[in-house]
């Protein structure tokens, strides 16, 4: 069993992404930093806030090598441009020298305007309603045409592939492997029986569309509403993909069932001011949560050669971690068999 160790971190591509390389990359597109560079919280990519000589500031994003193809990244950029053209407050990359994606020193990077803000107050019904309205507008744009290059959120890619990769690479300790394999298999069987579209069988009777894909509170920046551009700003479309509309709602829910029901009511009330919401999708919330849980473990394991992962996730890979995963999967199996939330 090959438990992840820090010794596997040698020669990761991001080790060559020094501050000088970041500054030189920006200079290659005509943006000159004044020396102030701050790394922003991002594990999948490397993202920096850079102050420029003219007094402005931008955010430079260096995409993880090998994760997305150029066509997939450009499709993300195109989706962001569509949203901004529809006056939806999404933060997309700047077009510099006729391009939104730029090569430099073996990396692909983009540059976006800096947007400040704080996480939204999700216990405020009016805030939830406001976010729901913008999510409906995002989905209205997303439904106009499909993604061609970006993948779908489905049972196979998030669930089956993740489980199989973890077992093939012996990432689950032997003392937990049997229990985790059974819990994971039982959970995946329940997901397969749900209405979630699967790439193996094709879409079921629920519609899918282009989504933000990772719409958790950290990807919504809230600015004071007394200003000209107050309210939510949606950032980080890096996980944009095809899926059911409810994927962009459920990660904004937290707390007990009554709290989640109240939050969902606010989101859906706002959403349906612009777009109808298929309430059958509410039965997908727990299957989607379970898929994210399985996918998260595989994501950590696949990224372990990146030096930042052992530093920030030192608990990953231990028997205690996997016992915790078994317990959470068991809870999700129970949750998937309960009545879904209703609004």
C-alpha atoms as a PDB file:
ATOM      1  CA  UNK A   1       0.000   0.000   0.000  1.00  0.00           C
ATOM      2  CA  UNK A   2       1.548   3.285  -1.181  1.00  0.00           C
ATOM      3  CA  UNK A   3       0.479   5.846   1.413  1.00  0.00           C
ATOM      4  CA  UNK A   4       1.235   9.389   0.172  1.00  0.00           C
ATOM      5  CA  UNK A   5       4.469  10.754   1.545  1.00  0.00           C
ATOM      6  CA  UNK A   6       6.177  14.118   1.239  1.00  0.00           C
ATOM      7  CA  UNK A   7       9.132  12.398  -0.418  1.00  0.00           C
ATOM      8  CA  UNK A   8       7.080  12.086  -3.611  1.00  0.00           C
ATOM      9  CA  UNK A   9       7.047  15.872  -4.028  1.00  0.00           C
ATOM     10  CA  UNK A  10      10.305  16.285  -5.977  1.00  0.00           C
ATOM     11  CA  UNK A  11      10.452  18.229  -9.223  1.00  0.00           C
ATOM     12  CA  UNK A  12       6.873  19.450  -9.337  1.00  0.00           C
ATOM     13  CA  UNK A  13       6.303  21.941 -12.204  1.00  0.00           C
ATOM     14  CA  UNK A  14       5.169  24.704  -9.827  1.00  0.00           C
ATOM     15  CA  UNK A  15       8.621  24.687  -8.209  1.00  0.00           C
ATOM     16  CA  UNK A  16       9.827  26.716 -11.202  1.00  0.00           C
ATOM     17  CA  UNK A  17       7.086  29.324 -10.780  1.00  0.00           C
ATOM     18  CA  UNK A  18       9.128  31.850  -8.814  1.00  0.00           C
ATOM     19  CA  UNK A  19       8.091  35.462  -8.134  1.00  0.00           C
ATOM     20  CA  UNK A  20      10.453  36.579 -10.900  1.00  0.00           C
ATOM     21  CA  UNK A  21       8.726  34.237 -13.371  1.00  0.00           C
ATOM     22  CA  UNK A  22       5.322  35.638 -12.350  1.00  0.00           C
ATOM     23  CA  UNK A  23       6.533  39.215 -12.868  1.00  0.00           C
ATOM     24  CA  UNK A  24       8.174  38.355 -16.197  1.00  0.00           C
ATOM     25  CA  UNK A  25       4.995  36.632 -17.366  1.00  0.00           C
ATOM     26  CA  UNK A  26       2.962  39.767 -16.678  1.00  0.00           C
ATOM     27  CA  UNK A  27       5.572  41.923 -18.374  1.00  0.00           C
ATOM     28  CA  UNK A  28       5.233  39.708 -21.465  1.00  0.00           C
ATOM     29  CA  UNK A  29       1.650  40.993 -21.855  1.00  0.00           C
ATOM     30  CA  UNK A  30       2.508  44.608 -21.078  1.00  0.00           C
ATOM     31  CA  UNK A  31       1.737  44.638 -17.348  1.00  0.00           C
ATOM     32  CA  UNK A  32       4.591  45.777 -15.122  1.00  0.00           C
ATOM     33  CA  UNK A  33       4.529  44.999 -11.419  1.00  0.00           C
ATOM     34  CA  UNK A  34       5.857  47.356  -8.766  1.00  0.00           C
ATOM     35  CA  UNK A  35       7.321  44.456  -6.784  1.00  0.00           C
ATOM     36  CA  UNK A  36       4.333  43.726  -4.545  1.00  0.00           C
ATOM     37  CA  UNK A  37       3.137  40.159  -5.048  1.00  0.00           C
ATOM     38  CA  UNK A  38       0.774  38.201  -2.802  1.00  0.00           C
ATOM     39  CA  UNK A  39      -0.182  34.542  -3.227  1.00  0.00           C
ATOM     40  CA  UNK A  40      -3.939  34.029  -2.918  1.00  0.00           C
ATOM     41  CA  UNK A  41      -5.621  30.955  -1.497  1.00  0.00           C
ATOM     42  CA  UNK A  42      -5.730  28.362  -4.275  1.00  0.00           C
ATOM     43  CA  UNK A  43      -4.572  24.758  -4.280  1.00  0.00           C
ATOM     44  CA  UNK A  44      -5.513  23.629  -7.774  1.00  0.00           C
ATOM     45  CA  UNK A  45      -3.782  26.515  -9.548  1.00  0.00           C
ATOM     46  CA  UNK A  46      -1.381  29.236  -8.482  1.00  0.00           C
ATOM     47  CA  UNK A  47      -3.052  32.619  -8.154  1.00  0.00           C
ATOM     48  CA  UNK A  48      -1.377  35.920  -7.263  1.00  0.00           C
ATOM     49  CA  UNK A  49      -2.479  39.457  -6.594  1.00  0.00           C
ATOM     50  CA  UNK A  50       0.003  41.751  -8.277  1.00  0.00           C
ATOM     51  CA  UNK A  51       0.247  45.518  -7.839  1.00  0.00           C
ATOM     52  CA  UNK A  52       1.246  47.346 -11.001  1.00  0.00           C
ATOM     53  CA  UNK A  53       3.389  50.405 -11.539  1.00  0.00           C
ATOM     54  CA  UNK A  54       0.340  52.470 -12.551  1.00  0.00           C
ATOM     55  CA  UNK A  55      -1.199  51.944  -9.099  1.00  0.00           C
ATOM     56  CA  UNK A  56      -3.776  49.346 -10.143  1.00  0.00           C
ATOM     57  CA  UNK A  57      -3.792  45.672  -9.203  1.00  0.00           C
ATOM     58  CA  UNK A  58      -4.620  42.490 -11.082  1.00  0.00           C
ATOM     59  CA  UNK A  59      -4.974  38.805 -10.312  1.00  0.00           C
ATOM     60  CA  UNK A  60      -2.743  36.426 -12.287  1.00  0.00           C
ATOM     61  CA  UNK A  61      -3.791  32.783 -12.507  1.00  0.00           C
ATOM     62  CA  UNK A  62      -1.307  30.109 -13.582  1.00  0.00           C
ATOM     63  CA  UNK A  63      -3.181  26.974 -14.584  1.00  0.00           C
ATOM     64  CA  UNK A  64      -2.033  23.623 -13.259  1.00  0.00           C
ATOM     65  CA  UNK A  65      -0.042  21.964 -16.071  1.00  0.00           C
ATOM     66  CA  UNK A  66      -1.829  18.964 -17.535  1.00  0.00           C
ATOM     67  CA  UNK A  67      -5.199  19.526 -15.882  1.00  0.00           C
ATOM     68  CA  UNK A  68      -7.150  21.256 -18.655  1.00  0.00           C
ATOM     69  CA  UNK A  69      -6.413  21.440 -22.358  1.00  0.00           C
ATOM     70  CA  UNK A  70      -6.094  24.840 -23.985  1.00  0.00           C
ATOM     71  CA  UNK A  71      -9.506  24.331 -25.598  1.00  0.00           C
ATOM     72  CA  UNK A  72     -11.077  23.584 -22.212  1.00  0.00           C
ATOM     73  CA  UNK A  73      -9.548  26.677 -20.615  1.00  0.00           C
ATOM     74  CA  UNK A  74     -10.663  28.883 -23.491  1.00  0.00           C
ATOM     75  CA  UNK A  75     -14.169  27.477 -23.161  1.00  0.00           C
ATOM     76  CA  UNK A  76     -14.166  28.604 -19.519  1.00  0.00           C
ATOM     77  CA  UNK A  77     -13.049  32.066 -20.641  1.00  0.00           C
ATOM     78  CA  UNK A  78     -15.747  32.192 -23.312  1.00  0.00           C
ATOM     79  CA  UNK A  79     -18.421  31.278 -20.760  1.00  0.00           C
ATOM     80  CA  UNK A  80     -17.195  34.043 -18.431  1.00  0.00           C
ATOM     81  CA  UNK A  81     -17.295  36.524 -21.324  1.00  0.00           C
ATOM     82  CA  UNK A  82     -20.890  35.511 -22.117  1.00  0.00           C
ATOM     83  CA  UNK A  83     -21.884  36.067 -18.503  1.00  0.00           C
ATOM     84  CA  UNK A  84     -20.258  39.489 -18.349  1.00  0.00           C
ATOM     85  CA  UNK A  85     -21.855  40.472 -21.671  1.00  0.00           C
ATOM     86  CA  UNK A  86     -25.213  39.627 -20.064  1.00  0.00           C
ATOM     87  CA  UNK A  87     -24.327  42.039 -17.213  1.00  0.00           C
ATOM     88  CA  UNK A  88     -23.963  39.215 -14.714  1.00  0.00           C
ATOM     89  CA  UNK A  89     -21.308  40.032 -12.084  1.00  0.00           C
ATOM     90  CA  UNK A  90     -18.883  37.239 -12.956  1.00  0.00           C
ATOM     91  CA  UNK A  91     -15.162  37.993 -12.900  1.00  0.00           C
ATOM     92  CA  UNK A  92     -13.486  36.779 -16.082  1.00  0.00           C
ATOM     93  CA  UNK A  93     -10.050  37.242 -17.614  1.00  0.00           C
ATOM     94  CA  UNK A  94      -8.885  40.350 -19.399  1.00  0.00           C
ATOM     95  CA  UNK A  95      -8.211  40.211 -23.124  1.00  0.00           C
ATOM     96  CA  UNK A  96      -4.618  41.379 -23.645  1.00  0.00           C
ATOM     97  CA  UNK A  97      -3.007  41.487 -27.084  1.00  0.00           C
ATOM     98  CA  UNK A  98      -6.140  39.824 -28.429  1.00  0.00           C
ATOM     99  CA  UNK A  99      -5.879  36.815 -26.076  1.00  0.00           C
ATOM    100  CA  UNK A 100      -7.275  35.777 -22.716  1.00  0.00           C
ATOM    101  CA  UNK A 101      -4.831  32.874 -22.240  1.00  0.00           C
ATOM    102  CA  UNK A 102      -1.099  33.398 -22.472  1.00  0.00           C
ATOM    103  CA  UNK A 103       1.874  30.998 -22.583  1.00  0.00           C
ATOM    104  CA  UNK A 104       5.012  31.690 -20.571  1.00  0.00           C
ATOM    105  CA  UNK A 105       7.861  29.501 -19.317  1.00  0.00           C
ATOM    106  CA  UNK A 106       5.893  26.294 -19.731  1.00  0.00           C
ATOM    107  CA  UNK A 107       2.740  27.648 -18.063  1.00  0.00           C
ATOM    108  CA  UNK A 108      -0.584  28.960 -19.320  1.00  0.00           C
ATOM    109  CA  UNK A 109      -1.826  32.008 -17.437  1.00  0.00           C
ATOM    110  CA  UNK A 110      -4.628  34.538 -17.466  1.00  0.00           C
ATOM    111  CA  UNK A 111      -5.029  37.965 -15.883  1.00  0.00           C
ATOM    112  CA  UNK A 112      -8.221  39.224 -14.277  1.00  0.00           C
ATOM    113  CA  UNK A 113      -9.202  42.477 -12.611  1.00  0.00           C
ATOM    114  CA  UNK A 114      -8.974  42.448  -8.828  1.00  0.00           C
ATOM    115  CA  UNK A 115     -12.311  42.287  -7.042  1.00  0.00           C
ATOM    116  CA  UNK A 116     -12.622  42.614  -3.294  1.00  0.00           C
ATOM    117  CA  UNK A 117     -15.439  41.410  -1.091  1.00  0.00           C
ATOM    118  CA  UNK A 118     -16.362  39.064   1.715  1.00  0.00           C
ATOM    119  CA  UNK A 119     -18.334  35.808   1.859  1.00  0.00           C
ATOM    120  CA  UNK A 120     -22.110  36.367   1.700  1.00  0.00           C
ATOM    121  CA  UNK A 121     -24.293  36.251   4.810  1.00  0.00           C
ATOM    122  CA  UNK A 122     -26.141  33.039   4.044  1.00  0.00           C
ATOM    123  CA  UNK A 123     -28.452  33.352   7.046  1.00  0.00           C
ATOM    124  CA  UNK A 124     -29.995  36.464   5.457  1.00  0.00           C
ATOM    125  CA  UNK A 125     -33.038  35.610   3.302  1.00  0.00           C
ATOM    126  CA  UNK A 126     -32.600  38.712   1.116  1.00  0.00           C
ATOM    127  CA  UNK A 127     -28.962  37.791   0.402  1.00  0.00           C
ATOM    128  CA  UNK A 128     -29.989  34.256  -0.548  1.00  0.00           C
ATOM    129  CA  UNK A 129     -32.751  35.581  -2.785  1.00  0.00           C
ATOM    130  CA  UNK A 130     -30.299  37.952  -4.465  1.00  0.00           C
ATOM    131  CA  UNK A 131     -27.820  35.127  -5.108  1.00  0.00           C
ATOM    132  CA  UNK A 132     -30.655  32.941  -6.410  1.00  0.00           C
ATOM    133  CA  UNK A 133     -31.595  35.587  -8.973  1.00  0.00           C
ATOM    134  CA  UNK A 134     -28.044  35.758 -10.307  1.00  0.00           C
ATOM    135  CA  UNK A 135     -27.706  31.964 -10.382  1.00  0.00           C
ATOM    136  CA  UNK A 136     -30.842  31.832 -12.527  1.00  0.00           C
ATOM    137  CA  UNK A 137     -29.325  34.399 -14.874  1.00  0.00           C
ATOM    138  CA  UNK A 138     -26.067  32.405 -15.028  1.00  0.00           C
ATOM    139  CA  UNK A 139     -28.065  29.289 -15.904  1.00  0.00           C
ATOM    140  CA  UNK A 140     -30.111  31.131 -18.518  1.00  0.00           C
ATOM    141  CA  UNK A 141     -26.848  31.929 -20.294  1.00  0.00           C
ATOM    142  CA  UNK A 142     -25.544  28.428 -19.589  1.00  0.00           C
ATOM    143  CA  UNK A 143     -28.565  26.822 -21.223  1.00  0.00           C
ATOM    144  CA  UNK A 144     -28.116  28.660 -24.522  1.00  0.00           C
ATOM    145  CA  UNK A 145     -25.523  26.217 -25.846  1.00  0.00           C
ATOM    146  CA  UNK A 146     -23.533  23.239 -24.550  1.00  0.00           C
ATOM    147  CA  UNK A 147     -19.899  22.934 -23.622  1.00  0.00           C
ATOM    148  CA  UNK A 148     -17.973  21.150 -26.349  1.00  0.00           C
ATOM    149  CA  UNK A 149     -14.669  20.490 -24.585  1.00  0.00           C
ATOM    150  CA  UNK A 150     -15.335  20.693 -20.848  1.00  0.00           C
ATOM    151  CA  UNK A 151     -16.538  17.537 -19.067  1.00  0.00           C
ATOM    152  CA  UNK A 152     -19.803  16.721 -17.338  1.00  0.00           C
ATOM    153  CA  UNK A 153     -20.455  16.226 -13.646  1.00  0.00           C
ATOM    154  CA  UNK A 154     -21.614  12.612 -13.612  1.00  0.00           C
ATOM    155  CA  UNK A 155     -21.415   9.331 -11.742  1.00  0.00           C
ATOM    156  CA  UNK A 156     -18.630   7.930 -13.882  1.00  0.00           C
ATOM    157  CA  UNK A 157     -16.119  10.787 -13.810  1.00  0.00           C
ATOM    158  CA  UNK A 158     -16.640  11.921 -10.209  1.00  0.00           C
ATOM    159  CA  UNK A 159     -17.529   8.614  -8.570  1.00  0.00           C
ATOM    160  CA  UNK A 160     -16.457   5.470 -10.390  1.00  0.00           C
ATOM    161  CA  UNK A 161     -13.193   6.841 -11.756  1.00  0.00           C
ATOM    162  CA  UNK A 162     -12.272   8.320  -8.376  1.00  0.00           C
ATOM    163  CA  UNK A 163     -12.932   5.077  -6.506  1.00  0.00           C
ATOM    164  CA  UNK A 164     -11.100   2.960  -9.065  1.00  0.00           C
ATOM    165  CA  UNK A 165      -8.070   5.269  -9.104  1.00  0.00           C
ATOM    166  CA  UNK A 166      -7.755   5.222  -5.315  1.00  0.00           C
ATOM    167  CA  UNK A 167      -7.942   1.426  -5.183  1.00  0.00           C
ATOM    168  CA  UNK A 168      -5.641   0.883  -8.159  1.00  0.00           C
ATOM    169  CA  UNK A 169      -2.973   3.096  -6.591  1.00  0.00           C
ATOM    170  CA  UNK A 170      -3.478   1.508  -3.144  1.00  0.00           C
ATOM    171  CA  UNK A 171      -4.195   4.810  -1.464  1.00  0.00           C
ATOM    172  CA  UNK A 172      -6.563   3.359   1.144  1.00  0.00           C
ATOM    173  CA  UNK A 173      -4.706   1.642   4.040  1.00  0.00           C
ATOM    174  CA  UNK A 174      -5.256  -2.105   4.242  1.00  0.00           C
ATOM    175  CA  UNK A 175      -6.842  -1.918   7.701  1.00  0.00           C
ATOM    176  CA  UNK A 176      -9.609   0.345   6.315  1.00  0.00           C
ATOM    177  CA  UNK A 177      -9.705  -0.735   2.679  1.00  0.00           C
ATOM    178  CA  UNK A 178     -12.452  -3.343   2.967  1.00  0.00           C
ATOM    179  CA  UNK A 179     -14.790  -1.075   4.956  1.00  0.00           C
ATOM    180  CA  UNK A 180     -14.171   1.908   2.664  1.00  0.00           C
ATOM    181  CA  UNK A 181     -14.614  -0.145  -0.516  1.00  0.00           C
ATOM    182  CA  UNK A 182     -17.955  -1.490   0.709  1.00  0.00           C
ATOM    183  CA  UNK A 183     -19.248   1.899   1.882  1.00  0.00           C
ATOM    184  CA  UNK A 184     -18.121   3.547  -1.339  1.00  0.00           C
ATOM    185  CA  UNK A 185     -19.704   0.817  -3.459  1.00  0.00           C
ATOM    186  CA  UNK A 186     -23.009   0.997  -1.562  1.00  0.00           C
ATOM    187  CA  UNK A 187     -23.047   4.774  -1.951  1.00  0.00           C
ATOM    188  CA  UNK A 188     -22.304   4.608  -5.676  1.00  0.00           C
ATOM    189  CA  UNK A 189     -25.075   2.038  -6.162  1.00  0.00           C
ATOM    190  CA  UNK A 190     -27.563   4.454  -4.587  1.00  0.00           C
ATOM    191  CA  UNK A 191     -26.305   7.303  -6.783  1.00  0.00           C
ATOM    192  CA  UNK A 192     -26.675   5.106  -9.874  1.00  0.00           C
ATOM    193  CA  UNK A 193     -30.303   4.502  -8.925  1.00  0.00           C
ATOM    194  CA  UNK A 194     -30.970   8.254  -8.669  1.00  0.00           C
ATOM    195  CA  UNK A 195     -31.930  10.572 -11.519  1.00  0.00           C
ATOM    196  CA  UNK A 196     -28.360  11.881 -11.825  1.00  0.00           C
ATOM    197  CA  UNK A 197     -27.170  11.763 -15.443  1.00  0.00           C
ATOM    198  CA  UNK A 198     -24.391   9.233 -16.042  1.00  0.00           C
ATOM    199  CA  UNK A 199     -22.004   9.150 -18.967  1.00  0.00           C
ATOM    200  CA  UNK A 200     -22.537   5.390 -19.209  1.00  0.00           C
ATOM    201  CA  UNK A 201     -26.280   5.639 -19.864  1.00  0.00           C
ATOM    202  CA  UNK A 202     -26.512   9.170 -21.171  1.00  0.00           C
ATOM    203  CA  UNK A 203     -28.668  11.927 -19.653  1.00  0.00           C
ATOM    204  CA  UNK A 204     -31.803  10.843 -17.844  1.00  0.00           C
ATOM    205  CA  UNK A 205     -34.949  12.969 -17.936  1.00  0.00           C
ATOM    206  CA  UNK A 206     -33.468  15.917 -16.043  1.00  0.00           C
ATOM    207  CA  UNK A 207     -31.956  18.768 -18.026  1.00  0.00           C
ATOM    208  CA  UNK A 208     -28.267  19.622 -17.825  1.00  0.00           C
ATOM    209  CA  UNK A 209     -26.576  22.912 -18.703  1.00  0.00           C
ATOM    210  CA  UNK A 210     -23.336  24.830 -18.367  1.00  0.00           C
ATOM    211  CA  UNK A 211     -22.695  25.559 -14.682  1.00  0.00           C
ATOM    212  CA  UNK A 212     -20.353  27.496 -12.435  1.00  0.00           C
ATOM    213  CA  UNK A 213     -19.698  24.027 -11.015  1.00  0.00           C
ATOM    214  CA  UNK A 214     -18.029  24.985  -7.717  1.00  0.00           C
ATOM    215  CA  UNK A 215     -20.433  27.548  -6.283  1.00  0.00           C
ATOM    216  CA  UNK A 216     -19.496  27.481  -2.606  1.00  0.00           C
ATOM    217  CA  UNK A 217     -19.522  30.624  -0.417  1.00  0.00           C
ATOM    218  CA  UNK A 218     -15.793  31.230  -0.960  1.00  0.00           C
ATOM    219  CA  UNK A 219     -16.423  31.728  -4.680  1.00  0.00           C
ATOM    220  CA  UNK A 220     -18.996  34.473  -4.120  1.00  0.00           C
ATOM    221  CA  UNK A 221     -17.595  37.858  -3.106  1.00  0.00           C
ATOM    222  CA  UNK A 222     -20.120  40.194  -1.523  1.00  0.00           C
ATOM    223  CA  UNK A 223     -19.589  43.945  -1.712  1.00  0.00           C
ATOM    224  CA  UNK A 224     -21.581  46.635   0.145  1.00  0.00           C
ATOM    225  CA  UNK A 225     -24.960  47.229  -1.442  1.00  0.00           C
ATOM    226  CA  UNK A 226     -24.762  51.007  -1.007  1.00  0.00           C
ATOM    227  CA  UNK A 227     -22.136  51.180  -3.777  1.00  0.00           C
ATOM    228  CA  UNK A 228     -22.723  51.210  -7.561  1.00  0.00           C
ATOM    229  CA  UNK A 229     -21.741  47.545  -7.999  1.00  0.00           C
ATOM    230  CA  UNK A 230     -22.875  46.142  -4.663  1.00  0.00           C
ATOM    231  CA  UNK A 231     -24.004  42.602  -4.102  1.00  0.00           C
ATOM    232  CA  UNK A 232     -22.520  39.267  -5.201  1.00  0.00           C
ATOM    233  CA  UNK A 233     -19.626  38.745  -7.613  1.00  0.00           C
ATOM    234  CA  UNK A 234     -19.027  35.210  -8.847  1.00  0.00           C
ATOM    235  CA  UNK A 235     -15.381  34.216  -9.186  1.00  0.00           C
ATOM    236  CA  UNK A 236     -13.363  31.136 -10.163  1.00  0.00           C
ATOM    237  CA  UNK A 237     -15.046  29.355 -13.063  1.00  0.00           C
ATOM    238  CA  UNK A 238     -12.176  26.864 -13.122  1.00  0.00           C
ATOM    239  CA  UNK A 239     -14.569  23.977 -12.405  1.00  0.00           C
ATOM    240  CA  UNK A 240     -17.229  25.053 -14.886  1.00  0.00           C
ATOM    241  CA  UNK A 241     -18.794  21.965 -16.452  1.00  0.00           C
ATOM    242  CA  UNK A 242     -22.100  20.479 -17.555  1.00  0.00           C
ATOM    243  CA  UNK A 243     -24.556  19.288 -14.923  1.00  0.00           C
ATOM    244  CA  UNK A 244     -27.959  19.786 -13.285  1.00  0.00           C
ATOM    245  CA  UNK A 245     -28.863  23.272 -12.069  1.00  0.00           C
ATOM    246  CA  UNK A 246     -29.044  22.202  -8.414  1.00  0.00           C
ATOM    247  CA  UNK A 247     -25.264  21.684  -8.402  1.00  0.00           C
ATOM    248  CA  UNK A 248     -24.863  25.474  -8.152  1.00  0.00           C
ATOM    249  CA  UNK A 249     -27.289  25.704  -5.225  1.00  0.00           C
ATOM    250  CA  UNK A 250     -26.593  22.877  -2.793  1.00  0.00           C
ATOM    251  CA  UNK A 251     -23.101  23.967  -1.714  1.00  0.00           C
ATOM    252  CA  UNK A 252     -24.641  27.159  -0.314  1.00  0.00           C
ATOM    253  CA  UNK A 253     -26.685  25.136   2.186  1.00  0.00           C
ATOM    254  CA  UNK A 254     -25.489  24.324   5.710  1.00  0.00           C
ATOM    255  CA  UNK A 255     -26.783  23.458   9.151  1.00  0.00           C
ATOM    256  CA  UNK A 256     -29.610  21.166  10.152  1.00  0.00           C
ATOM    257  CA  UNK A 257     -32.521  20.209   7.932  1.00  0.00           C
ATOM    258  CA  UNK A 258     -34.656  23.185   8.990  1.00  0.00           C
ATOM    259  CA  UNK A 259     -31.799  25.629   8.326  1.00  0.00           C
ATOM    260  CA  UNK A 260     -31.032  24.097   4.932  1.00  0.00           C
ATOM    261  CA  UNK A 261     -34.701  24.188   3.991  1.00  0.00           C
ATOM    262  CA  UNK A 262     -34.890  27.877   4.858  1.00  0.00           C
ATOM    263  CA  UNK A 263     -31.737  28.664   2.886  1.00  0.00           C
ATOM    264  CA  UNK A 264     -32.959  26.678  -0.092  1.00  0.00           C
ATOM    265  CA  UNK A 265     -36.282  28.497   0.018  1.00  0.00           C
ATOM    266  CA  UNK A 266     -34.499  31.841  -0.281  1.00  0.00           C
ATOM    267  CA  UNK A 267     -32.338  30.675  -3.178  1.00  0.00           C
ATOM    268  CA  UNK A 268     -35.250  29.143  -5.088  1.00  0.00           C
ATOM    269  CA  UNK A 269     -37.498  32.162  -4.485  1.00  0.00           C
ATOM    270  CA  UNK A 270     -34.869  34.373  -6.090  1.00  0.00           C
ATOM    271  CA  UNK A 271     -34.070  31.835  -8.804  1.00  0.00           C
ATOM    272  CA  UNK A 272     -37.671  31.534  -9.947  1.00  0.00           C
ATOM    273  CA  UNK A 273     -37.979  35.272 -10.471  1.00  0.00           C
ATOM    274  CA  UNK A 274     -35.919  34.682 -13.622  1.00  0.00           C
ATOM    275  CA  UNK A 275     -36.057  30.978 -14.410  1.00  0.00           C
ATOM    276  CA  UNK A 276     -38.123  27.946 -13.451  1.00  0.00           C
ATOM    277  CA  UNK A 277     -36.494  25.384 -11.167  1.00  0.00           C
ATOM    278  CA  UNK A 278     -37.242  21.670 -11.553  1.00  0.00           C
ATOM    279  CA  UNK A 279     -37.928  20.502  -8.001  1.00  0.00           C
ATOM    280  CA  UNK A 280     -37.153  16.921  -8.959  1.00  0.00           C
ATOM    281  CA  UNK A 281     -33.517  18.008  -8.821  1.00  0.00           C
ATOM    282  CA  UNK A 282     -33.775  18.378  -5.046  1.00  0.00           C
ATOM    283  CA  UNK A 283     -33.420  14.586  -4.851  1.00  0.00           C
ATOM    284  CA  UNK A 284     -29.924  15.007  -6.331  1.00  0.00           C
ATOM    285  CA  UNK A 285     -28.519  17.097  -3.467  1.00  0.00           C
ATOM    286  CA  UNK A 286     -27.304  14.179  -1.349  1.00  0.00           C
ATOM    287  CA  UNK A 287     -26.035  12.124  -4.344  1.00  0.00           C
ATOM    288  CA  UNK A 288     -24.065  15.184  -5.496  1.00  0.00           C
ATOM    289  CA  UNK A 289     -22.710  15.742  -1.988  1.00  0.00           C
ATOM    290  CA  UNK A 290     -21.615  12.087  -1.872  1.00  0.00           C
ATOM    291  CA  UNK A 291     -19.882  12.302  -5.251  1.00  0.00           C
ATOM    292  CA  UNK A 292     -17.991  15.383  -4.078  1.00  0.00           C
ATOM    293  CA  UNK A 293     -16.863  13.504  -0.962  1.00  0.00           C
ATOM    294  CA  UNK A 294     -15.432  10.602  -3.006  1.00  0.00           C
ATOM    295  CA  UNK A 295     -13.941  12.900  -5.633  1.00  0.00           C
ATOM    296  CA  UNK A 296     -12.270  15.026  -2.937  1.00  0.00           C
ATOM    297  CA  UNK A 297     -10.254  12.078  -1.606  1.00  0.00           C
ATOM    298  CA  UNK A 298      -9.092  11.198  -5.118  1.00  0.00           C
ATOM    299  CA  UNK A 299      -8.247  14.839  -5.805  1.00  0.00           C
ATOM    300  CA  UNK A 300      -6.015  15.025  -2.722  1.00  0.00           C
ATOM    301  CA  UNK A 301      -4.271  11.775  -3.622  1.00  0.00           C
ATOM    302  CA  UNK A 302      -3.688  12.794  -7.238  1.00  0.00           C
ATOM    303  CA  UNK A 303      -2.204  16.137  -6.175  1.00  0.00           C
ATOM    304  CA  UNK A 304       0.112  14.776  -3.488  1.00  0.00           C
ATOM    305  CA  UNK A 305       3.252  15.389  -5.567  1.00  0.00           C
ATOM    306  CA  UNK A 306       2.496  19.121  -5.346  1.00  0.00           C
ATOM    307  CA  UNK A 307       4.518  20.366  -2.320  1.00  0.00           C
ATOM    308  CA  UNK A 308       1.675  22.567  -1.094  1.00  0.00           C
ATOM    309  CA  UNK A 309      -0.609  19.583  -0.477  1.00  0.00           C
ATOM    310  CA  UNK A 310       1.360  17.765   2.261  1.00  0.00           C
ATOM    311  CA  UNK A 311       1.843  21.121   3.968  1.00  0.00           C
ATOM    312  CA  UNK A 312      -1.826  22.067   3.958  1.00  0.00           C
ATOM    313  CA  UNK A 313      -3.389  18.606   4.295  1.00  0.00           C
ATOM    314  CA  UNK A 314      -1.007  16.763   6.660  1.00  0.00           C
ATOM    315  CA  UNK A 315      -3.828  14.535   7.954  1.00  0.00           C
ATOM    316  CA  UNK A 316      -4.573  13.028   4.546  1.00  0.00           C
ATOM    317  CA  UNK A 317      -3.761   9.358   3.950  1.00  0.00           C
ATOM    318  CA  UNK A 318      -3.763   8.190   7.557  1.00  0.00           C
ATOM    319  CA  UNK A 319      -5.981   5.366   8.764  1.00  0.00           C
ATOM    320  CA  UNK A 320      -7.870   7.911  10.884  1.00  0.00           C
ATOM    321  CA  UNK A 321      -8.642   9.932   7.754  1.00  0.00           C
ATOM    322  CA  UNK A 322     -10.061   6.917   5.944  1.00  0.00           C
ATOM    323  CA  UNK A 323     -12.055   5.779   8.976  1.00  0.00           C
ATOM    324  CA  UNK A 324     -13.586   9.251   8.945  1.00  0.00           C
ATOM    325  CA  UNK A 325     -14.398   8.822   5.258  1.00  0.00           C
ATOM    326  CA  UNK A 326     -16.144   5.506   5.976  1.00  0.00           C
ATOM    327  CA  UNK A 327     -18.225   7.208   8.646  1.00  0.00           C
ATOM    328  CA  UNK A 328     -19.153  10.088   6.342  1.00  0.00           C
ATOM    329  CA  UNK A 329     -20.077   7.712   3.511  1.00  0.00           C
ATOM    330  CA  UNK A 330     -22.254   5.746   5.930  1.00  0.00           C
ATOM    331  CA  UNK A 331     -24.007   8.976   6.905  1.00  0.00           C
ATOM    332  CA  UNK A 332     -24.469   9.861   3.244  1.00  0.00           C
ATOM    333  CA  UNK A 333     -25.970   6.445   2.509  1.00  0.00           C
ATOM    334  CA  UNK A 334     -28.564   7.186   5.169  1.00  0.00           C
ATOM    335  CA  UNK A 335     -29.109  10.719   3.895  1.00  0.00           C
ATOM    336  CA  UNK A 336     -29.669   9.508   0.328  1.00  0.00           C
ATOM    337  CA  UNK A 337     -32.466   7.253   1.561  1.00  0.00           C
ATOM    338  CA  UNK A 338     -34.288  10.034   3.418  1.00  0.00           C
ATOM    339  CA  UNK A 339     -36.902  12.286   1.889  1.00  0.00           C
ATOM    340  CA  UNK A 340     -35.185  15.103  -0.042  1.00  0.00           C
ATOM    341  CA  UNK A 341     -35.485  18.725   1.000  1.00  0.00           C
ATOM    342  CA  UNK A 342     -38.689  20.344  -0.184  1.00  0.00           C
ATOM    343  CA  UNK A 343     -39.557  23.973  -0.927  1.00  0.00           C
END
